[in-house]
Amino acid sequence: MNIYVGNLSQETSETKLRDLFATYGEVETAKIITDSLTGFSKGFGFVEMSSKKEGEKAIDELNATVFESSTIVVNEARKKPSHSGGGNFKFNKRSY
């Protein structure tokens, strides 16, 4: 089960995030999303748990709790919507 975790503190590491969720079951991955230019956390991440039941329990018990001085948001991650059309748009070099 893929879980979204939002409003993470800048001090939160992937190891600390993994440890938080490990109390509810087996964590496959824990990833904090970072800005590609600065390397700083964007304040959210994803945790993949091996069991849907364990993931649901973690969501129920961790959502709206304080972790590392921030009240975190925890819910089931939604699939990224696919965008359609318009990928090959070109501008005409014309003076007006």
PDB file of N, CA and C in Angstrom:
ATOM      1  N   MET A   1       0.848  -1.175   0.000  1.00  0.00           N
ATOM      2  CA  MET A   1       0.000   0.000   0.000  1.00  0.00           C
ATOM      3  C   MET A   1       0.889   1.232   0.000  1.00  0.00           C
ATOM      4  N   ASN A   2       0.581   2.179  -0.882  1.00  0.00           N
ATOM      5  CA  ASN A   2       1.355   3.410  -0.977  1.00  0.00           C
ATOM      6  C   ASN A   2       0.658   4.507  -0.165  1.00  0.00           C
ATOM      7  N   ILE A   3       1.401   5.153   0.706  1.00  0.00           N
ATOM      8  CA  ILE A   3       0.846   6.135   1.639  1.00  0.00           C
ATOM      9  C   ILE A   3       1.524   7.485   1.437  1.00  0.00           C
ATOM     10  N   TYR A   4       0.714   8.535   1.350  1.00  0.00           N
ATOM     11  CA  TYR A   4       1.204   9.908   1.263  1.00  0.00           C
ATOM     12  C   TYR A   4       1.360  10.450   2.681  1.00  0.00           C
ATOM     13  N   VAL A   5       2.474  11.139   2.936  1.00  0.00           N
ATOM     14  CA  VAL A   5       2.702  11.772   4.234  1.00  0.00           C
ATOM     15  C   VAL A   5       3.069  13.229   3.967  1.00  0.00           C
ATOM     16  N   GLY A   6       2.226  14.138   4.420  1.00  0.00           N
ATOM     17  CA  GLY A   6       2.438  15.553   4.166  1.00  0.00           C
ATOM     18  C   GLY A   6       2.718  16.350   5.418  1.00  0.00           C
ATOM     19  N   ASN A   7       3.169  17.577   5.216  1.00  0.00           N
ATOM     20  CA  ASN A   7       3.504  18.528   6.269  1.00  0.00           C
ATOM     21  C   ASN A   7       4.655  18.023   7.147  1.00  0.00           C
ATOM     22  N   LEU A   8       5.639  17.413   6.488  1.00  0.00           N
ATOM     23  CA  LEU A   8       6.812  16.918   7.218  1.00  0.00           C
ATOM     24  C   LEU A   8       7.751  18.062   7.573  1.00  0.00           C
ATOM     25  N   SER A   9       8.377  17.966   8.714  1.00  0.00           N
ATOM     26  CA  SER A   9       9.381  18.920   9.152  1.00  0.00           C
ATOM     27  C   SER A   9      10.606  18.827   8.238  1.00  0.00           C
ATOM     28  N   GLN A  10      11.327  19.921   8.086  1.00  0.00           N
ATOM     29  CA  GLN A  10      12.550  19.922   7.287  1.00  0.00           C
ATOM     30  C   GLN A  10      13.614  19.002   7.889  1.00  0.00           C
ATOM     31  N   GLU A  11      13.514  18.728   9.172  1.00  0.00           N
ATOM     32  CA  GLU A  11      14.492  17.880   9.851  1.00  0.00           C
ATOM     33  C   GLU A  11      14.198  16.388   9.699  1.00  0.00           C
ATOM     34  N   THR A  12      13.029  16.035   9.184  1.00  0.00           N
ATOM     35  CA  THR A  12      12.664  14.630   9.067  1.00  0.00           C
ATOM     36  C   THR A  12      13.507  13.944   7.998  1.00  0.00           C
ATOM     37  N   SER A  13      14.073  12.806   8.363  1.00  0.00           N
ATOM     38  CA  SER A  13      14.869  12.014   7.416  1.00  0.00           C
ATOM     39  C   SER A  13      14.047  10.800   6.971  1.00  0.00           C
ATOM     40  N   GLU A  14      14.484  10.180   5.902  1.00  0.00           N
ATOM     41  CA  GLU A  14      13.804   8.972   5.429  1.00  0.00           C
ATOM     42  C   GLU A  14      13.891   7.860   6.457  1.00  0.00           C
ATOM     43  N   THR A  15      14.994   7.795   7.177  1.00  0.00           N
ATOM     44  CA  THR A  15      15.149   6.783   8.227  1.00  0.00           C
ATOM     45  C   THR A  15      14.127   6.998   9.342  1.00  0.00           C
ATOM     46  N   LYS A  16      13.951   8.246   9.774  1.00  0.00           N
ATOM     47  CA  LYS A  16      12.974   8.539  10.838  1.00  0.00           C
ATOM     48  C   LYS A  16      11.556   8.244  10.361  1.00  0.00           C
ATOM     49  N   LEU A  17      11.268   8.563   9.092  1.00  0.00           N
ATOM     50  CA  LEU A  17       9.947   8.291   8.530  1.00  0.00           C
ATOM     51  C   LEU A  17       9.696   6.782   8.480  1.00  0.00           C
ATOM     52  N   ARG A  18      10.692   6.036   8.043  1.00  0.00           N
ATOM     53  CA  ARG A  18      10.590   4.572   7.989  1.00  0.00           C
ATOM     54  C   ARG A  18      10.344   4.012   9.395  1.00  0.00           C
ATOM     55  N   ASP A  19      11.092   4.494  10.374  1.00  0.00           N
ATOM     56  CA  ASP A  19      10.954   4.012  11.745  1.00  0.00           C
ATOM     57  C   ASP A  19       9.561   4.289  12.314  1.00  0.00           C
ATOM     58  N   LEU A  20       9.003   5.455  11.970  1.00  0.00           N
ATOM     59  CA  LEU A  20       7.660   5.801  12.441  1.00  0.00           C
ATOM     60  C   LEU A  20       6.639   4.786  11.943  1.00  0.00           C
ATOM     61  N   PHE A  21       6.700   4.451  10.672  1.00  0.00           N
ATOM     62  CA  PHE A  21       5.727   3.532  10.090  1.00  0.00           C
ATOM     63  C   PHE A  21       6.021   2.075  10.414  1.00  0.00           C
ATOM     64  N   ALA A  22       7.260   1.743  10.718  1.00  0.00           N
ATOM     65  CA  ALA A  22       7.644   0.364  11.023  1.00  0.00           C
ATOM     66  C   ALA A  22       6.948  -0.164  12.276  1.00  0.00           C
ATOM     67  N   THR A  23       6.490   0.735  13.134  1.00  0.00           N
ATOM     68  CA  THR A  23       5.762   0.286  14.326  1.00  0.00           C
ATOM     69  C   THR A  23       4.401  -0.307  13.960  1.00  0.00           C
ATOM     70  N   TYR A  24       3.952  -0.086  12.707  1.00  0.00           N
ATOM     71  CA  TYR A  24       2.647  -0.588  12.256  1.00  0.00           C
ATOM     72  C   TYR A  24       2.760  -1.775  11.317  1.00  0.00           C
ATOM     73  N   GLY A  25       3.982  -2.098  10.879  1.00  0.00           N
ATOM     74  CA  GLY A  25       4.163  -3.232   9.983  1.00  0.00           C
ATOM     75  C   GLY A  25       5.410  -3.072   9.135  1.00  0.00           C
ATOM     76  N   GLU A  26       5.532  -3.941   8.141  1.00  0.00           N
ATOM     77  CA  GLU A  26       6.715  -3.947   7.289  1.00  0.00           C
ATOM     78  C   GLU A  26       6.685  -2.802   6.280  1.00  0.00           C
ATOM     79  N   VAL A  27       7.741  -1.992   6.324  1.00  0.00           N
ATOM     80  CA  VAL A  27       7.878  -0.865   5.398  1.00  0.00           C
ATOM     81  C   VAL A  27       8.802  -1.292   4.266  1.00  0.00           C
ATOM     82  N   GLU A  28       8.313  -1.214   3.045  1.00  0.00           N
ATOM     83  CA  GLU A  28       9.134  -1.559   1.886  1.00  0.00           C
ATOM     84  C   GLU A  28      10.039  -0.394   1.493  1.00  0.00           C
ATOM     85  N   THR A  29       9.461   0.814   1.419  1.00  0.00           N
ATOM     86  CA  THR A  29      10.247   2.005   1.097  1.00  0.00           C
ATOM     87  C   THR A  29       9.695   3.206   1.845  1.00  0.00           C
ATOM     88  N   ALA A  30      10.567   4.167   2.093  1.00  0.00           N
ATOM     89  CA  ALA A  30      10.182   5.460   2.657  1.00  0.00           C
ATOM     90  C   ALA A  30      10.981   6.513   1.894  1.00  0.00           C
ATOM     91  N   LYS A  31      10.291   7.434   1.240  1.00  0.00           N
ATOM     92  CA  LYS A  31      10.955   8.416   0.384  1.00  0.00           C
ATOM     93  C   LYS A  31      10.421   9.809   0.676  1.00  0.00           C
ATOM     94  N   ILE A  32      11.330  10.733   0.969  1.00  0.00           N
ATOM     95  CA  ILE A  32      10.970  12.136   1.132  1.00  0.00           C
ATOM     96  C   ILE A  32      11.294  12.834  -0.185  1.00  0.00           C
ATOM     97  N   ILE A  33      10.357  13.589  -0.697  1.00  0.00           N
ATOM     98  CA  ILE A  33      10.534  14.280  -1.973  1.00  0.00           C
ATOM     99  C   ILE A  33      11.327  15.562  -1.731  1.00  0.00           C
ATOM    100  N   THR A  34      12.367  15.746  -2.542  1.00  0.00           N
ATOM    101  CA  THR A  34      13.230  16.916  -2.391  1.00  0.00           C
ATOM    102  C   THR A  34      13.227  17.761  -3.655  1.00  0.00           C
ATOM    103  N   ASP A  35      13.545  19.028  -3.491  1.00  0.00           N
ATOM    104  CA  ASP A  35      13.678  19.950  -4.614  1.00  0.00           C
ATOM    105  C   ASP A  35      14.939  19.577  -5.390  1.00  0.00           C
ATOM    106  N   SER A  36      14.826  19.477  -6.689  1.00  0.00           N
ATOM    107  CA  SER A  36      15.975  19.026  -7.487  1.00  0.00           C
ATOM    108  C   SER A  36      17.099  20.056  -7.532  1.00  0.00           C
ATOM    109  N   LEU A  37      16.790  21.320  -7.326  1.00  0.00           N
ATOM    110  CA  LEU A  37      17.830  22.354  -7.361  1.00  0.00           C
ATOM    111  C   LEU A  37      18.517  22.552  -6.012  1.00  0.00           C
ATOM    112  N   THR A  38      17.730  22.577  -4.952  1.00  0.00           N
ATOM    113  CA  THR A  38      18.300  22.878  -3.633  1.00  0.00           C
ATOM    114  C   THR A  38      18.608  21.632  -2.804  1.00  0.00           C
ATOM    115  N   GLY A  39      17.912  20.546  -3.089  1.00  0.00           N
ATOM    116  CA  GLY A  39      18.080  19.336  -2.292  1.00  0.00           C
ATOM    117  C   GLY A  39      17.293  19.349  -0.993  1.00  0.00           C
ATOM    118  N   PHE A  40      16.573  20.451  -0.720  1.00  0.00           N
ATOM    119  CA  PHE A  40      15.772  20.547   0.499  1.00  0.00           C
ATOM    120  C   PHE A  40      14.453  19.796   0.332  1.00  0.00           C
ATOM    121  N   SER A  41      13.941  19.308   1.447  1.00  0.00           N
ATOM    122  CA  SER A  41      12.671  18.606   1.460  1.00  0.00           C
ATOM    123  C   SER A  41      11.556  19.523   0.982  1.00  0.00           C
ATOM    124  N   LYS A  42      10.626  18.944   0.222  1.00  0.00           N
ATOM    125  CA  LYS A  42       9.425  19.688  -0.186  1.00  0.00           C
ATOM    126  C   LYS A  42       8.321  19.563   0.864  1.00  0.00           C
ATOM    127  N   GLY A  43       8.605  18.837   1.949  1.00  0.00           N
ATOM    128  CA  GLY A  43       7.644  18.739   3.050  1.00  0.00           C
ATOM    129  C   GLY A  43       6.660  17.587   2.928  1.00  0.00           C
ATOM    130  N   PHE A  44       6.917  16.695   1.973  1.00  0.00           N
ATOM    131  CA  PHE A  44       6.051  15.530   1.871  1.00  0.00           C
ATOM    132  C   PHE A  44       6.847  14.332   1.371  1.00  0.00           C
ATOM    133  N   GLY A  45       6.245  13.173   1.524  1.00  0.00           N
ATOM    134  CA  GLY A  45       6.913  11.957   1.096  1.00  0.00           C
ATOM    135  C   GLY A  45       5.926  10.823   0.945  1.00  0.00           C
ATOM    136  N   PHE A  46       6.464   9.642   0.670  1.00  0.00           N
ATOM    137  CA  PHE A  46       5.640   8.456   0.464  1.00  0.00           C
ATOM    138  C   PHE A  46       6.254   7.275   1.202  1.00  0.00           C
ATOM    139  N   VAL A  47       5.377   6.459   1.762  1.00  0.00           N
ATOM    140  CA  VAL A  47       5.788   5.240   2.438  1.00  0.00           C
ATOM    141  C   VAL A  47       5.038   4.096   1.779  1.00  0.00           C
ATOM    142  N   GLU A  48       5.775   3.069   1.397  1.00  0.00           N
ATOM    143  CA  GLU A  48       5.170   1.880   0.813  1.00  0.00           C
ATOM    144  C   GLU A  48       5.205   0.785   1.864  1.00  0.00           C
ATOM    145  N   MET A  49       4.012   0.290   2.216  1.00  0.00           N
ATOM    146  CA  MET A  49       3.920  -0.791   3.198  1.00  0.00           C
ATOM    147  C   MET A  49       3.477  -2.057   2.492  1.00  0.00           C
ATOM    148  N   SER A  50       3.974  -3.199   2.963  1.00  0.00           N
ATOM    149  CA  SER A  50       3.715  -4.463   2.281  1.00  0.00           C
ATOM    150  C   SER A  50       2.274  -4.946   2.444  1.00  0.00           C
ATOM    151  N   SER A  51       1.619  -4.537   3.506  1.00  0.00           N
ATOM    152  CA  SER A  51       0.263  -5.006   3.786  1.00  0.00           C
ATOM    153  C   SER A  51      -0.728  -3.839   3.784  1.00  0.00           C
ATOM    154  N   LYS A  52      -1.842  -4.015   3.068  1.00  0.00           N
ATOM    155  CA  LYS A  52      -2.888  -2.986   3.039  1.00  0.00           C
ATOM    156  C   LYS A  52      -3.481  -2.786   4.436  1.00  0.00           C
ATOM    157  N   LYS A  53      -3.672  -3.881   5.160  1.00  0.00           N
ATOM    158  CA  LYS A  53      -4.239  -3.810   6.512  1.00  0.00           C
ATOM    159  C   LYS A  53      -3.331  -2.989   7.432  1.00  0.00           C
ATOM    160  N   GLU A  54      -2.021  -3.263   7.378  1.00  0.00           N
ATOM    161  CA  GLU A  54      -1.067  -2.510   8.203  1.00  0.00           C
ATOM    162  C   GLU A  54      -1.027  -1.042   7.777  1.00  0.00           C
ATOM    163  N   GLY A  55      -1.097  -0.792   6.482  1.00  0.00           N
ATOM    164  CA  GLY A  55      -1.097   0.572   5.974  1.00  0.00           C
ATOM    165  C   GLY A  55      -2.308   1.357   6.433  1.00  0.00           C
ATOM    166  N   GLU A  56      -3.467   0.722   6.391  1.00  0.00           N
ATOM    167  CA  GLU A  56      -4.694   1.383   6.848  1.00  0.00           C
ATOM    168  C   GLU A  56      -4.638   1.702   8.335  1.00  0.00           C
ATOM    169  N   LYS A  57      -4.057   0.800   9.112  1.00  0.00           N
ATOM    170  CA  LYS A  57      -3.909   1.039  10.557  1.00  0.00           C
ATOM    171  C   LYS A  57      -2.969   2.225  10.795  1.00  0.00           C
ATOM    172  N   ALA A  58      -1.861   2.285  10.045  1.00  0.00           N
ATOM    173  CA  ALA A  58      -0.918   3.399  10.180  1.00  0.00           C
ATOM    174  C   ALA A  58      -1.603   4.721   9.821  1.00  0.00           C
ATOM    175  N   ILE A  59      -2.379   4.725   8.742  1.00  0.00           N
ATOM    176  CA  ILE A  59      -3.099   5.939   8.339  1.00  0.00           C
ATOM    177  C   ILE A  59      -4.055   6.380   9.443  1.00  0.00           C
ATOM    178  N   ASP A  60      -4.857   5.448   9.939  1.00  0.00           N
ATOM    179  CA  ASP A  60      -5.840   5.763  10.989  1.00  0.00           C
ATOM    180  C   ASP A  60      -5.181   6.339  12.240  1.00  0.00           C
ATOM    181  N   GLU A  61      -4.046   5.776  12.617  1.00  0.00           N
ATOM    182  CA  GLU A  61      -3.424   6.185  13.874  1.00  0.00           C
ATOM    183  C   GLU A  61      -2.444   7.350  13.746  1.00  0.00           C
ATOM    184  N   LEU A  62      -1.914   7.597  12.545  1.00  0.00           N
ATOM    185  CA  LEU A  62      -0.908   8.662  12.402  1.00  0.00           C
ATOM    186  C   LEU A  62      -1.445   9.967  11.822  1.00  0.00           C
ATOM    187  N   ASN A  63      -2.546   9.920  11.078  1.00  0.00           N
ATOM    188  CA  ASN A  63      -3.070  11.150  10.487  1.00  0.00           C
ATOM    189  C   ASN A  63      -3.414  12.174  11.570  1.00  0.00           C
ATOM    190  N   ALA A  64      -2.981  13.410  11.354  1.00  0.00           N
ATOM    191  CA  ALA A  64      -3.239  14.539  12.263  1.00  0.00           C
ATOM    192  C   ALA A  64      -2.528  14.401  13.606  1.00  0.00           C
ATOM    193  N   THR A  65      -1.427  13.638  13.647  1.00  0.00           N
ATOM    194  CA  THR A  65      -0.620  13.557  14.863  1.00  0.00           C
ATOM    195  C   THR A  65       0.634  14.413  14.687  1.00  0.00           C
ATOM    196  N   VAL A  66       1.280  14.728  15.802  1.00  0.00           N
ATOM    197  CA  VAL A  66       2.496  15.540  15.762  1.00  0.00           C
ATOM    198  C   VAL A  66       3.704  14.613  15.646  1.00  0.00           C
ATOM    199  N   PHE A  67       4.523  14.883  14.622  1.00  0.00           N
ATOM    200  CA  PHE A  67       5.755  14.135  14.396  1.00  0.00           C
ATOM    201  C   PHE A  67       6.853  15.137  14.070  1.00  0.00           C
ATOM    202  N   GLU A  68       7.904  15.137  14.873  1.00  0.00           N
ATOM    203  CA  GLU A  68       9.022  16.065  14.683  1.00  0.00           C
ATOM    204  C   GLU A  68       8.546  17.524  14.627  1.00  0.00           C
ATOM    205  N   SER A  69       7.686  17.897  15.543  1.00  0.00           N
ATOM    206  CA  SER A  69       7.173  19.264  15.710  1.00  0.00           C
ATOM    207  C   SER A  69       6.203  19.721  14.630  1.00  0.00           C
ATOM    208  N   SER A  70       5.706  18.823  13.796  1.00  0.00           N
ATOM    209  CA  SER A  70       4.733  19.179  12.759  1.00  0.00           C
ATOM    210  C   SER A  70       3.543  18.227  12.829  1.00  0.00           C
ATOM    211  N   THR A  71       2.350  18.765  12.621  1.00  0.00           N
ATOM    212  CA  THR A  71       1.163  17.931  12.547  1.00  0.00           C
ATOM    213  C   THR A  71       1.100  17.370  11.135  1.00  0.00           C
ATOM    214  N   ILE A  72       1.297  16.062  11.020  1.00  0.00           N
ATOM    215  CA  ILE A  72       1.395  15.443   9.701  1.00  0.00           C
ATOM    216  C   ILE A  72       0.030  15.036   9.144  1.00  0.00           C
ATOM    217  N   VAL A  73      -0.033  14.984   7.836  1.00  0.00           N
ATOM    218  CA  VAL A  73      -1.212  14.521   7.107  1.00  0.00           C
ATOM    219  C   VAL A  73      -0.842  13.170   6.509  1.00  0.00           C
ATOM    220  N   VAL A  74      -1.638  12.151   6.789  1.00  0.00           N
ATOM    221  CA  VAL A  74      -1.335  10.803   6.316  1.00  0.00           C
ATOM    222  C   VAL A  74      -2.587  10.228   5.668  1.00  0.00           C
ATOM    223  N   ASN A  75      -2.479   9.844   4.399  1.00  0.00           N
ATOM    224  CA  ASN A  75      -3.592   9.190   3.720  1.00  0.00           C
ATOM    225  C   ASN A  75      -3.084   8.324   2.584  1.00  0.00           C
ATOM    226  N   GLU A  76      -3.990   7.542   2.014  1.00  0.00           N
ATOM    227  CA  GLU A  76      -3.595   6.669   0.916  1.00  0.00           C
ATOM    228  C   GLU A  76      -3.220   7.537  -0.282  1.00  0.00           C
ATOM    229  N   ALA A  77      -2.079   7.220  -0.873  1.00  0.00           N
ATOM    230  CA  ALA A  77      -1.609   7.991  -2.026  1.00  0.00           C
ATOM    231  C   ALA A  77      -2.507   7.704  -3.214  1.00  0.00           C
ATOM    232  N   ARG A  78      -2.787   8.765  -3.972  1.00  0.00           N
ATOM    233  CA  ARG A  78      -3.567   8.611  -5.202  1.00  0.00           C
ATOM    234  C   ARG A  78      -2.604   8.499  -6.363  1.00  0.00           C
ATOM    235  N   LYS A  79      -3.009   7.788  -7.367  1.00  0.00           N
ATOM    236  CA  LYS A  79      -2.181   7.671  -8.565  1.00  0.00           C
ATOM    237  C   LYS A  79      -2.110   9.014  -9.261  1.00  0.00           C
ATOM    238  N   LYS A  80      -0.943   9.317  -9.796  1.00  0.00           N
ATOM    239  CA  LYS A  80      -0.731  10.564 -10.519  1.00  0.00           C
ATOM    240  C   LYS A  80      -1.595  10.555 -11.775  1.00  0.00           C
ATOM    241  N   PRO A  81      -2.400  11.609 -11.995  1.00  0.00           N
ATOM    242  CA  PRO A  81      -3.262  11.611 -13.178  1.00  0.00           C
ATOM    243  C   PRO A  81      -2.426  11.700 -14.454  1.00  0.00           C
ATOM    244  N   SER A  82      -2.889  11.002 -15.481  1.00  0.00           N
ATOM    245  CA  SER A  82      -2.186  11.093 -16.762  1.00  0.00           C
ATOM    246  C   SER A  82      -2.709  12.309 -17.506  1.00  0.00           C
ATOM    247  N   HIS A  83      -1.801  13.044 -18.096  1.00  0.00           N
ATOM    248  CA  HIS A  83      -2.166  14.236 -18.853  1.00  0.00           C
ATOM    249  C   HIS A  83      -2.202  13.862 -20.320  1.00  0.00           C
ATOM    250  N   SER A  84      -3.174  14.382 -21.012  1.00  0.00           N
ATOM    251  CA  SER A  84      -3.283  14.019 -22.422  1.00  0.00           C
ATOM    252  C   SER A  84      -3.192  15.253 -23.305  1.00  0.00           C
ATOM    253  N   GLY A  85      -2.661  15.021 -24.482  1.00  0.00           N
ATOM    254  CA  GLY A  85      -2.660  16.038 -25.525  1.00  0.00           C
ATOM    255  C   GLY A  85      -1.634  17.132 -25.351  1.00  0.00           C
ATOM    256  N   GLY A  86      -1.361  17.812 -26.450  1.00  0.00           N
ATOM    257  CA  GLY A  86      -0.572  19.034 -26.434  1.00  0.00           C
ATOM    258  C   GLY A  86       0.909  18.904 -26.196  1.00  0.00           C
ATOM    259  N   GLY A  87       1.478  17.747 -26.255  1.00  0.00           N
ATOM    260  CA  GLY A  87       2.887  17.600 -25.948  1.00  0.00           C
ATOM    261  C   GLY A  87       3.845  18.088 -27.021  1.00  0.00           C
ATOM    262  N   ASN A  88       3.352  18.329 -28.223  1.00  0.00           N
ATOM    263  CA  ASN A  88       4.232  18.684 -29.329  1.00  0.00           C
ATOM    264  C   ASN A  88       3.949  20.082 -29.867  1.00  0.00           C
ATOM    265  N   PHE A  89       3.548  20.986 -29.019  1.00  0.00           N
ATOM    266  CA  PHE A  89       3.167  22.331 -29.437  1.00  0.00           C
ATOM    267  C   PHE A  89       4.402  23.153 -29.779  1.00  0.00           C
ATOM    268  N   LYS A  90       4.372  23.838 -30.934  1.00  0.00           N
ATOM    269  CA  LYS A  90       5.493  24.674 -31.347  1.00  0.00           C
ATOM    270  C   LYS A  90       5.000  26.081 -31.629  1.00  0.00           C
ATOM    271  N   PHE A  91       5.826  27.054 -31.260  1.00  0.00           N
ATOM    272  CA  PHE A  91       5.489  28.447 -31.528  1.00  0.00           C
ATOM    273  C   PHE A  91       6.032  28.840 -32.894  1.00  0.00           C
ATOM    274  N   ASN A  92       5.296  29.697 -33.572  1.00  0.00           N
ATOM    275  CA  ASN A  92       5.735  30.250 -34.828  1.00  0.00           C
ATOM    276  C   ASN A  92       6.567  31.481 -34.559  1.00  0.00           C
ATOM    277  N   LYS A  93       7.722  31.592 -35.175  1.00  0.00           N
ATOM    278  CA  LYS A  93       8.562  32.797 -35.010  1.00  0.00           C
ATOM    279  C   LYS A  93       8.100  33.815 -36.032  1.00  0.00           C
ATOM    280  N   ARG A  94       7.195  34.632 -35.603  1.00  0.00           N
ATOM    281  CA  ARG A  94       6.632  35.632 -36.478  1.00  0.00           C
ATOM    282  C   ARG A  94       6.558  36.933 -35.720  1.00  0.00           C
ATOM    283  N   SER A  95       6.913  38.016 -36.324  1.00  0.00           N
ATOM    284  CA  SER A  95       6.774  39.303 -35.624  1.00  0.00           C
ATOM    285  C   SER A  95       5.411  39.878 -35.933  1.00  0.00           C
ATOM    286  N   TYR A  96       4.817  40.451 -34.936  1.00  0.00           N
ATOM    287  CA  TYR A  96       3.475  41.008 -35.080  1.00  0.00           C
ATOM    288  C   TYR A  96       3.519  42.496 -34.994  1.00  0.00           C
TER     289      TYR A  96
END
